[in-house]
PDB file of all heavy atoms in Angstrom:
ATOM      1  N   VAL A   1     -52.613 133.290  22.171  1.00  0.00           N
ATOM      2  CA  VAL A   1     -51.605 132.868  23.237  1.00  0.00           C
ATOM      3  C   VAL A   1     -51.388 131.441  23.268  1.00  0.00           C
ATOM      4  O   VAL A   1     -50.157 131.061  23.376  1.00  0.00           O
ATOM      5  CB  VAL A   1     -52.318 133.355  24.600  1.00  0.00           C
ATOM      6  CG1 VAL A   1     -51.397 132.813  25.717  1.00  0.00           C
ATOM      7  CG2 VAL A   1     -52.446 134.755  24.659  1.00  0.00           C
ATOM      8  N   GLU A   2     -52.268 130.637  23.055  1.00  0.00           N
ATOM      9  CA  GLU A   2     -52.152 129.126  22.937  1.00  0.00           C
ATOM     10  C   GLU A   2     -51.199 128.841  21.726  1.00  0.00           C
ATOM     11  O   GLU A   2     -50.269 127.968  21.862  1.00  0.00           O
ATOM     12  CB  GLU A   2     -53.448 128.474  22.886  1.00  0.00           C
ATOM     13  CG  GLU A   2     -54.259 128.385  24.201  1.00  0.00           C
ATOM     14  CD  GLU A   2     -55.122 129.704  24.287  1.00  0.00           C
ATOM     15  OE1 GLU A   2     -54.927 130.596  23.303  1.00  0.00           O
ATOM     16  OE2 GLU A   2     -55.844 129.695  25.340  1.00  0.00           O
ATOM     17  N   LYS A   3     -51.444 129.564  20.655  1.00  0.00           N
ATOM     18  CA  LYS A   3     -50.577 129.319  19.552  1.00  0.00           C
ATOM     19  C   LYS A   3     -49.080 129.602  19.786  1.00  0.00           C
ATOM     20  O   LYS A   3     -48.304 128.854  19.442  1.00  0.00           O
ATOM     21  CB  LYS A   3     -51.079 130.043  18.282  1.00  0.00           C
ATOM     22  CG  LYS A   3     -50.329 129.857  17.107  1.00  0.00           C
ATOM     23  CD  LYS A   3     -50.864 130.730  15.837  1.00  0.00           C
ATOM     24  CE  LYS A   3     -50.119 130.594  14.690  1.00  0.00           C
ATOM     25  NZ  LYS A   3     -50.393 131.506  13.618  1.00  0.00           N
ATOM     26  N   LYS A   4     -48.965 130.630  20.427  1.00  0.00           N
ATOM     27  CA  LYS A   4     -47.468 131.110  20.699  1.00  0.00           C
ATOM     28  C   LYS A   4     -46.843 130.155  21.680  1.00  0.00           C
ATOM     29  O   LYS A   4     -45.652 129.831  21.572  1.00  0.00           O
ATOM     30  CB  LYS A   4     -47.457 132.563  21.303  1.00  0.00           C
ATOM     31  CG  LYS A   4     -47.915 133.612  20.343  1.00  0.00           C
ATOM     32  CD  LYS A   4     -46.836 133.699  19.184  1.00  0.00           C
ATOM     33  CE  LYS A   4     -47.014 134.851  18.163  1.00  0.00           C
ATOM     34  NZ  LYS A   4     -46.269 134.702  17.158  1.00  0.00           N
ATOM     35  N   ILE A   5     -47.601 129.712  22.770  1.00  0.00           N
ATOM     36  CA  ILE A   5     -47.083 128.593  23.698  1.00  0.00           C
ATOM     37  C   ILE A   5     -46.731 127.341  22.914  1.00  0.00           C
ATOM     38  O   ILE A   5     -45.687 126.876  23.096  1.00  0.00           O
ATOM     39  CB  ILE A   5     -48.040 128.480  24.706  1.00  0.00           C
ATOM     40  CG1 ILE A   5     -48.132 129.700  25.603  1.00  0.00           C
ATOM     41  CG2 ILE A   5     -47.693 127.193  25.633  1.00  0.00           C
ATOM     42  CD1 ILE A   5     -49.262 129.657  26.749  1.00  0.00           C
ATOM     43  N   THR A   6     -47.624 126.943  21.931  1.00  0.00           N
ATOM     44  CA  THR A   6     -47.438 125.782  21.223  1.00  0.00           C
ATOM     45  C   THR A   6     -46.221 125.914  20.390  1.00  0.00           C
ATOM     46  O   THR A   6     -45.322 125.090  20.344  1.00  0.00           O
ATOM     47  CB  THR A   6     -48.554 125.412  20.324  1.00  0.00           C
ATOM     48  OG1 THR A   6     -49.728 125.221  21.199  1.00  0.00           O
ATOM     49  CG2 THR A   6     -48.410 124.246  19.559  1.00  0.00           C
ATOM     50  N   GLU A   7     -45.970 127.095  19.776  1.00  0.00           N
ATOM     51  CA  GLU A   7     -44.802 127.339  18.886  1.00  0.00           C
ATOM     52  C   GLU A   7     -43.560 127.297  19.719  1.00  0.00           C
ATOM     53  O   GLU A   7     -42.524 126.737  19.333  1.00  0.00           O
ATOM     54  CB  GLU A   7     -44.945 128.634  18.173  1.00  0.00           C
ATOM     55  CG  GLU A   7     -45.876 128.690  17.020  1.00  0.00           C
ATOM     56  CD  GLU A   7     -46.256 130.142  16.495  1.00  0.00           C
ATOM     57  OE1 GLU A   7     -45.643 131.162  17.013  1.00  0.00           O
ATOM     58  OE2 GLU A   7     -47.109 130.299  15.579  1.00  0.00           O
ATOM     59  N   ALA A   8     -43.649 127.891  20.959  1.00  0.00           N
ATOM     60  CA  ALA A   8     -42.483 127.891  21.834  1.00  0.00           C
ATOM     61  C   ALA A   8     -42.122 126.495  22.285  1.00  0.00           C
ATOM     62  O   ALA A   8     -40.808 126.052  22.284  1.00  0.00           O
ATOM     63  CB  ALA A   8     -42.676 128.765  23.005  1.00  0.00           C
ATOM     64  N   VAL A   9     -43.143 125.739  22.618  1.00  0.00           N
ATOM     65  CA  VAL A   9     -42.862 124.342  23.073  1.00  0.00           C
ATOM     66  C   VAL A   9     -42.276 123.526  21.891  1.00  0.00           C
ATOM     67  O   VAL A   9     -41.444 122.641  22.032  1.00  0.00           O
ATOM     68  CB  VAL A   9     -44.266 123.687  23.574  1.00  0.00           C
ATOM     69  CG1 VAL A   9     -43.946 122.041  23.774  1.00  0.00           C
ATOM     70  CG2 VAL A   9     -44.561 124.286  24.871  1.00  0.00           C
ATOM     71  N   ASP A  10     -42.777 123.753  20.740  1.00  0.00           N
ATOM     72  CA  ASP A  10     -42.233 123.098  19.458  1.00  0.00           C
ATOM     73  C   ASP A  10     -40.698 123.382  19.215  1.00  0.00           C
ATOM     74  O   ASP A  10     -39.962 122.530  18.899  1.00  0.00           O
ATOM     75  CB  ASP A  10     -43.127 123.207  18.271  1.00  0.00           C
ATOM     76  CG  ASP A  10     -44.481 122.739  18.265  1.00  0.00           C
ATOM     77  OD1 ASP A  10     -44.733 121.711  18.958  1.00  0.00           O
ATOM     78  OD2 ASP A  10     -45.351 123.142  17.425  1.00  0.00           O
ATOM     79  N   ALA A  11     -40.499 124.529  19.308  1.00  0.00           N
ATOM     80  CA  ALA A  11     -39.019 125.143  19.186  1.00  0.00           C
ATOM     81  C   ALA A  11     -38.192 124.486  20.207  1.00  0.00           C
ATOM     82  O   ALA A  11     -37.043 124.003  20.023  1.00  0.00           O
ATOM     83  CB  ALA A  11     -39.033 126.577  19.269  1.00  0.00           C
ATOM     84  N   LEU A  12     -38.671 124.396  21.416  1.00  0.00           N
ATOM     85  CA  LEU A  12     -38.014 123.821  22.480  1.00  0.00           C
ATOM     86  C   LEU A  12     -37.717 122.245  22.279  1.00  0.00           C
ATOM     87  O   LEU A  12     -36.644 121.666  22.473  1.00  0.00           O
ATOM     88  CB  LEU A  12     -38.682 123.975  23.870  1.00  0.00           C
ATOM     89  CG  LEU A  12     -37.966 123.487  25.107  1.00  0.00           C
ATOM     90  CD1 LEU A  12     -36.598 124.083  25.304  1.00  0.00           C
ATOM     91  CD2 LEU A  12     -38.787 123.667  26.355  1.00  0.00           C
ATOM     92  N   ASP A  13     -38.699 121.609  21.681  1.00  0.00           N
ATOM     93  CA  ASP A  13     -38.583 120.216  21.341  1.00  0.00           C
ATOM     94  C   ASP A  13     -37.507 120.008  20.376  1.00  0.00           C
ATOM     95  O   ASP A  13     -36.713 118.985  20.511  1.00  0.00           O
ATOM     96  CB  ASP A  13     -39.983 119.638  20.795  1.00  0.00           C
ATOM     97  CG  ASP A  13     -40.959 119.335  21.887  1.00  0.00           C
ATOM     98  OD1 ASP A  13     -40.600 119.296  23.100  1.00  0.00           O
ATOM     99  OD2 ASP A  13     -42.197 119.186  21.542  1.00  0.00           O
ATOM    100  N   LYS A  14     -37.490 120.851  19.326  1.00  0.00           N
ATOM    101  CA  LYS A  14     -36.408 120.864  18.265  1.00  0.00           C
ATOM    102  C   LYS A  14     -35.017 120.914  18.979  1.00  0.00           C
ATOM    103  O   LYS A  14     -33.999 120.230  18.527  1.00  0.00           O
ATOM    104  CB  LYS A  14     -36.549 121.875  17.228  1.00  0.00           C
ATOM    105  CG  LYS A  14     -37.819 121.557  16.400  1.00  0.00           C
ATOM    106  CD  LYS A  14     -37.996 122.665  15.359  1.00  0.00           C
ATOM    107  CE  LYS A  14     -39.327 122.427  14.485  1.00  0.00           C
ATOM    108  NZ  LYS A  14     -39.518 123.338  13.529  1.00  0.00           N
ATOM    109  N   VAL A  15     -34.894 121.801  19.837  1.00  0.00           N
ATOM    110  CA  VAL A  15     -33.623 122.044  20.497  1.00  0.00           C
ATOM    111  C   VAL A  15     -33.262 120.708  21.351  1.00  0.00           C
ATOM    112  O   VAL A  15     -32.067 120.385  21.183  1.00  0.00           O
ATOM    113  CB  VAL A  15     -33.661 123.298  21.491  1.00  0.00           C
ATOM    114  CG1 VAL A  15     -32.432 123.320  22.399  1.00  0.00           C
ATOM    115  CG2 VAL A  15     -33.816 124.609  20.727  1.00  0.00           C
ATOM    116  N   VAL A  16     -34.188 120.199  21.969  1.00  0.00           N
ATOM    117  CA  VAL A  16     -33.894 119.047  22.799  1.00  0.00           C
ATOM    118  C   VAL A  16     -33.498 117.924  21.837  1.00  0.00           C
ATOM    119  O   VAL A  16     -32.648 117.081  22.143  1.00  0.00           O
ATOM    120  CB  VAL A  16     -35.161 118.633  23.634  1.00  0.00           C
ATOM    121  CG1 VAL A  16     -35.011 117.324  24.324  1.00  0.00           C
ATOM    122  CG2 VAL A  16     -35.391 119.655  24.736  1.00  0.00           C
ATOM    123  N   GLU A  17     -34.196 117.818  20.670  1.00  0.00           N
ATOM    124  CA  GLU A  17     -33.923 116.674  19.676  1.00  0.00           C
ATOM    125  C   GLU A  17     -32.383 116.746  19.232  1.00  0.00           C
ATOM    126  O   GLU A  17     -31.876 115.787  18.925  1.00  0.00           O
ATOM    127  CB  GLU A  17     -34.920 116.573  18.564  1.00  0.00           C
ATOM    128  CG  GLU A  17     -36.278 116.113  18.898  1.00  0.00           C
ATOM    129  CD  GLU A  17     -37.282 116.298  17.864  1.00  0.00           C
ATOM    130  OE1 GLU A  17     -36.847 116.530  16.712  1.00  0.00           O
ATOM    131  OE2 GLU A  17     -38.503 116.155  18.093  1.00  0.00           O
ATOM    132  N   LYS A  18     -32.039 118.027  18.949  1.00  0.00           N
ATOM    133  CA  LYS A  18     -30.666 118.237  18.339  1.00  0.00           C
ATOM    134  C   LYS A  18     -29.661 118.316  19.370  1.00  0.00           C
ATOM    135  O   LYS A  18     -28.383 118.389  19.008  1.00  0.00           O
ATOM    136  CB  LYS A  18     -30.760 119.566  17.561  1.00  0.00           C
ATOM    137  CG  LYS A  18     -31.621 119.450  16.297  1.00  0.00           C
ATOM    138  CD  LYS A  18     -31.499 120.743  15.506  1.00  0.00           C
ATOM    139  CE  LYS A  18     -32.414 120.615  14.227  1.00  0.00           C
ATOM    140  NZ  LYS A  18     -32.258 121.711  13.422  1.00  0.00           N
ATOM    141  N   ALA A  19     -30.026 118.380  20.717  1.00  0.00           N
ATOM    142  CA  ALA A  19     -28.970 118.506  21.786  1.00  0.00           C
ATOM    143  C   ALA A  19     -27.822 117.430  21.669  1.00  0.00           C
ATOM    144  O   ALA A  19     -26.674 117.784  21.735  1.00  0.00           O
ATOM    145  CB  ALA A  19     -29.551 118.533  23.122  1.00  0.00           C
ATOM    146  N   PRO A  20     -28.195 116.149  21.547  1.00  0.00           N
ATOM    147  CA  PRO A  20     -27.160 115.049  21.525  1.00  0.00           C
ATOM    148  C   PRO A  20     -26.150 115.317  20.394  1.00  0.00           C
ATOM    149  O   PRO A  20     -25.007 115.249  20.511  1.00  0.00           O
ATOM    150  CB  PRO A  20     -27.945 113.865  21.357  1.00  0.00           C
ATOM    151  CG  PRO A  20     -29.254 114.059  21.946  1.00  0.00           C
ATOM    152  CD  PRO A  20     -29.509 115.483  21.626  1.00  0.00           C
ATOM    153  N   GLU A  21     -26.795 115.587  19.170  1.00  0.00           N
ATOM    154  CA  GLU A  21     -25.806 115.825  17.988  1.00  0.00           C
ATOM    155  C   GLU A  21     -24.939 117.017  18.166  1.00  0.00           C
ATOM    156  O   GLU A  21     -23.891 117.010  17.914  1.00  0.00           O
ATOM    157  CB  GLU A  21     -26.732 116.118  16.774  1.00  0.00           C
ATOM    158  CG  GLU A  21     -25.998 116.313  15.484  1.00  0.00           C
ATOM    159  CD  GLU A  21     -26.925 116.622  14.242  1.00  0.00           C
ATOM    160  OE1 GLU A  21     -28.100 116.060  14.370  1.00  0.00           O
ATOM    161  OE2 GLU A  21     -26.606 117.324  13.474  1.00  0.00           O
ATOM    162  N   THR A  22     -25.487 118.203  18.783  1.00  0.00           N
ATOM    163  CA  THR A  22     -24.759 119.316  19.042  1.00  0.00           C
ATOM    164  C   THR A  22     -23.578 119.050  20.004  1.00  0.00           C
ATOM    165  O   THR A  22     -22.574 119.498  19.892  1.00  0.00           O
ATOM    166  CB  THR A  22     -25.695 120.417  19.368  1.00  0.00           C
ATOM    167  OG1 THR A  22     -26.654 120.709  18.567  1.00  0.00           O
ATOM    168  CG2 THR A  22     -24.800 121.755  19.818  1.00  0.00           C
ATOM    169  N   LEU A  23     -24.012 118.302  21.108  1.00  0.00           N
ATOM    170  CA  LEU A  23     -22.944 117.867  22.140  1.00  0.00           C
ATOM    171  C   LEU A  23     -21.891 117.091  21.508  1.00  0.00           C
ATOM    172  O   LEU A  23     -20.743 117.277  21.964  1.00  0.00           O
ATOM    173  CB  LEU A  23     -23.719 117.219  23.282  1.00  0.00           C
ATOM    174  CG  LEU A  23     -24.582 118.174  24.244  1.00  0.00           C
ATOM    175  CD1 LEU A  23     -25.298 117.218  25.195  1.00  0.00           C
ATOM    176  CD2 LEU A  23     -23.838 119.206  24.810  1.00  0.00           C
ATOM    177  N   GLU A  24     -22.292 116.217  20.747  1.00  0.00           N
ATOM    178  CA  GLU A  24     -21.204 115.384  19.940  1.00  0.00           C
ATOM    179  C   GLU A  24     -20.273 116.231  19.254  1.00  0.00           C
ATOM    180  O   GLU A  24     -18.996 116.093  19.229  1.00  0.00           O
ATOM    181  CB  GLU A  24     -21.763 114.360  19.162  1.00  0.00           C
ATOM    182  CG  GLU A  24     -22.456 113.155  19.828  1.00  0.00           C
ATOM    183  CD  GLU A  24     -23.024 112.158  18.820  1.00  0.00           C
ATOM    184  OE1 GLU A  24     -22.627 112.185  17.644  1.00  0.00           O
ATOM    185  OE2 GLU A  24     -23.998 111.477  19.374  1.00  0.00           O
ATOM    186  N   LYS A  25     -20.786 117.229  18.379  1.00  0.00           N
ATOM    187  CA  LYS A  25     -19.945 118.071  17.667  1.00  0.00           C
ATOM    188  C   LYS A  25     -19.031 118.988  18.494  1.00  0.00           C
ATOM    189  O   LYS A  25     -17.891 119.154  18.243  1.00  0.00           O
ATOM    190  CB  LYS A  25     -20.860 119.048  16.782  1.00  0.00           C
ATOM    191  CG  LYS A  25     -21.525 118.473  15.685  1.00  0.00           C
ATOM    192  CD  LYS A  25     -22.387 119.417  14.889  1.00  0.00           C
ATOM    193  CE  LYS A  25     -23.074 118.768  13.749  1.00  0.00           C
ATOM    194  NZ  LYS A  25     -23.892 119.612  12.978  1.00  0.00           N
ATOM    195  N   VAL A  26     -19.605 119.365  19.684  1.00  0.00           N
ATOM    196  CA  VAL A  26     -18.801 120.139  20.603  1.00  0.00           C
ATOM    197  C   VAL A  26     -17.713 119.223  21.320  1.00  0.00           C
ATOM    198  O   VAL A  26     -16.511 119.801  21.460  1.00  0.00           O
ATOM    199  CB  VAL A  26     -19.593 120.920  21.650  1.00  0.00           C
ATOM    200  CG1 VAL A  26     -18.922 121.370  22.818  1.00  0.00           C
ATOM    201  CG2 VAL A  26     -20.554 121.903  21.083  1.00  0.00           C
ATOM    202  N   ALA A  27     -18.085 118.180  21.457  1.00  0.00           N
ATOM    203  CA  ALA A  27     -17.101 117.160  22.120  1.00  0.00           C
ATOM    204  C   ALA A  27     -15.898 116.869  21.236  1.00  0.00           C
ATOM    205  O   ALA A  27     -14.734 116.630  21.697  1.00  0.00           O
ATOM    206  CB  ALA A  27     -17.820 115.758  22.532  1.00  0.00           C
ATOM    207  N   ASP A  28     -16.212 116.746  19.996  1.00  0.00           N
ATOM    208  CA  ASP A  28     -15.274 116.513  18.827  1.00  0.00           C
ATOM    209  C   ASP A  28     -14.415 117.751  18.456  1.00  0.00           C
ATOM    210  O   ASP A  28     -13.266 117.532  18.002  1.00  0.00           O
ATOM    211  CB  ASP A  28     -15.833 115.842  17.587  1.00  0.00           C
ATOM    212  CG  ASP A  28     -16.563 114.564  17.670  1.00  0.00           C
ATOM    213  OD1 ASP A  28     -16.035 113.877  18.762  1.00  0.00           O
ATOM    214  OD2 ASP A  28     -17.325 114.227  16.838  1.00  0.00           O
ATOM    215  N   ALA A  29     -14.740 118.772  18.857  1.00  0.00           N
ATOM    216  CA  ALA A  29     -14.128 120.116  18.537  1.00  0.00           C
ATOM    217  C   ALA A  29     -12.577 120.038  18.971  1.00  0.00           C
ATOM    218  O   ALA A  29     -11.773 120.493  18.257  1.00  0.00           O
ATOM    219  CB  ALA A  29     -14.886 121.244  18.934  1.00  0.00           C
ATOM    220  N   PRO A  30     -12.385 119.770  20.208  1.00  0.00           N
ATOM    221  CA  PRO A  30     -10.878 119.670  20.710  1.00  0.00           C
ATOM    222  C   PRO A  30     -10.129 118.839  19.889  1.00  0.00           C
ATOM    223  O   PRO A  30      -8.862 119.218  19.582  1.00  0.00           O
ATOM    224  CB  PRO A  30     -10.999 119.453  22.201  1.00  0.00           C
ATOM    225  CG  PRO A  30     -12.376 119.762  22.650  1.00  0.00           C
ATOM    226  CD  PRO A  30     -13.252 119.575  21.432  1.00  0.00           C
ATOM    227  N   GLN A  31     -10.567 117.670  19.615  1.00  0.00           N
ATOM    228  CA  GLN A  31      -9.746 116.720  18.851  1.00  0.00           C
ATOM    229  C   GLN A  31      -9.488 117.338  17.527  1.00  0.00           C
ATOM    230  O   GLN A  31      -8.264 117.267  16.963  1.00  0.00           O
ATOM    231  CB  GLN A  31     -10.409 115.414  18.738  1.00  0.00           C
ATOM    232  CG  GLN A  31      -9.693 114.406  17.911  1.00  0.00           C
ATOM    233  CD  GLN A  31      -8.359 113.962  18.506  1.00  0.00           C
ATOM    234  OE1 GLN A  31      -8.148 113.993  19.606  1.00  0.00           O
ATOM    235  NE2 GLN A  31      -7.454 113.617  17.589  1.00  0.00           N
ATOM    236  N   LYS A  32     -10.414 117.884  16.768  1.00  0.00           N
ATOM    237  CA  LYS A  32     -10.363 118.501  15.496  1.00  0.00           C
ATOM    238  C   LYS A  32      -9.321 119.577  15.492  1.00  0.00           C
ATOM    239  O   LYS A  32      -8.552 119.797  14.694  1.00  0.00           O
ATOM    240  CB  LYS A  32     -11.623 118.894  14.825  1.00  0.00           C
ATOM    241  CG  LYS A  32     -12.524 117.625  14.471  1.00  0.00           C
ATOM    242  CD  LYS A  32     -13.837 118.049  14.012  1.00  0.00           C
ATOM    243  CE  LYS A  32     -14.738 116.899  13.671  1.00  0.00           C
ATOM    244  NZ  LYS A  32     -15.959 117.274  13.200  1.00  0.00           N
ATOM    245  N   ALA A  33      -9.451 120.479  16.622  1.00  0.00           N
ATOM    246  CA  ALA A  33      -8.527 121.596  16.680  1.00  0.00           C
ATOM    247  C   ALA A  33      -7.129 121.043  16.798  1.00  0.00           C
ATOM    248  O   ALA A  33      -6.169 121.694  16.261  1.00  0.00           O
ATOM    249  CB  ALA A  33      -8.925 122.383  17.906  1.00  0.00           C
ATOM    250  N   MET A  34      -6.775 120.031  17.607  1.00  0.00           N
ATOM    251  CA  MET A  34      -5.520 119.479  17.761  1.00  0.00           C
ATOM    252  C   MET A  34      -5.034 118.835  16.351  1.00  0.00           C
ATOM    253  O   MET A  34      -3.831 119.046  16.131  1.00  0.00           O
ATOM    254  CB  MET A  34      -5.447 118.274  18.799  1.00  0.00           C
ATOM    255  CG  MET A  34      -5.675 118.784  20.217  1.00  0.00           C
ATOM    256  SD  MET A  34      -4.482 119.949  20.672  1.00  0.00           S
ATOM    257  CE  MET A  34      -3.032 118.947  20.594  1.00  0.00           C
ATOM    258  N   GLU A  35      -5.860 118.314  15.681  1.00  0.00           N
ATOM    259  CA  GLU A  35      -5.512 117.763  14.272  1.00  0.00           C
ATOM    260  C   GLU A  35      -5.035 118.914  13.413  1.00  0.00           C
ATOM    261  O   GLU A  35      -3.953 118.875  12.619  1.00  0.00           O
ATOM    262  CB  GLU A  35      -6.543 117.075  13.631  1.00  0.00           C
ATOM    263  CG  GLU A  35      -6.874 115.705  14.410  1.00  0.00           C
ATOM    264  CD  GLU A  35      -8.253 114.993  13.938  1.00  0.00           C
ATOM    265  OE1 GLU A  35      -8.904 115.483  12.902  1.00  0.00           O
ATOM    266  OE2 GLU A  35      -8.463 113.958  14.441  1.00  0.00           O
TER     267      GLU A  35
END
């Protein structure tokens, strides 16, 4: 159980770390679409 919780927290950490990069890509999408 502890191992599964640790794995879930690690996965969540990865999502949080990548969130700014993902948001930047999403924010740039309308400009790229217009181009």
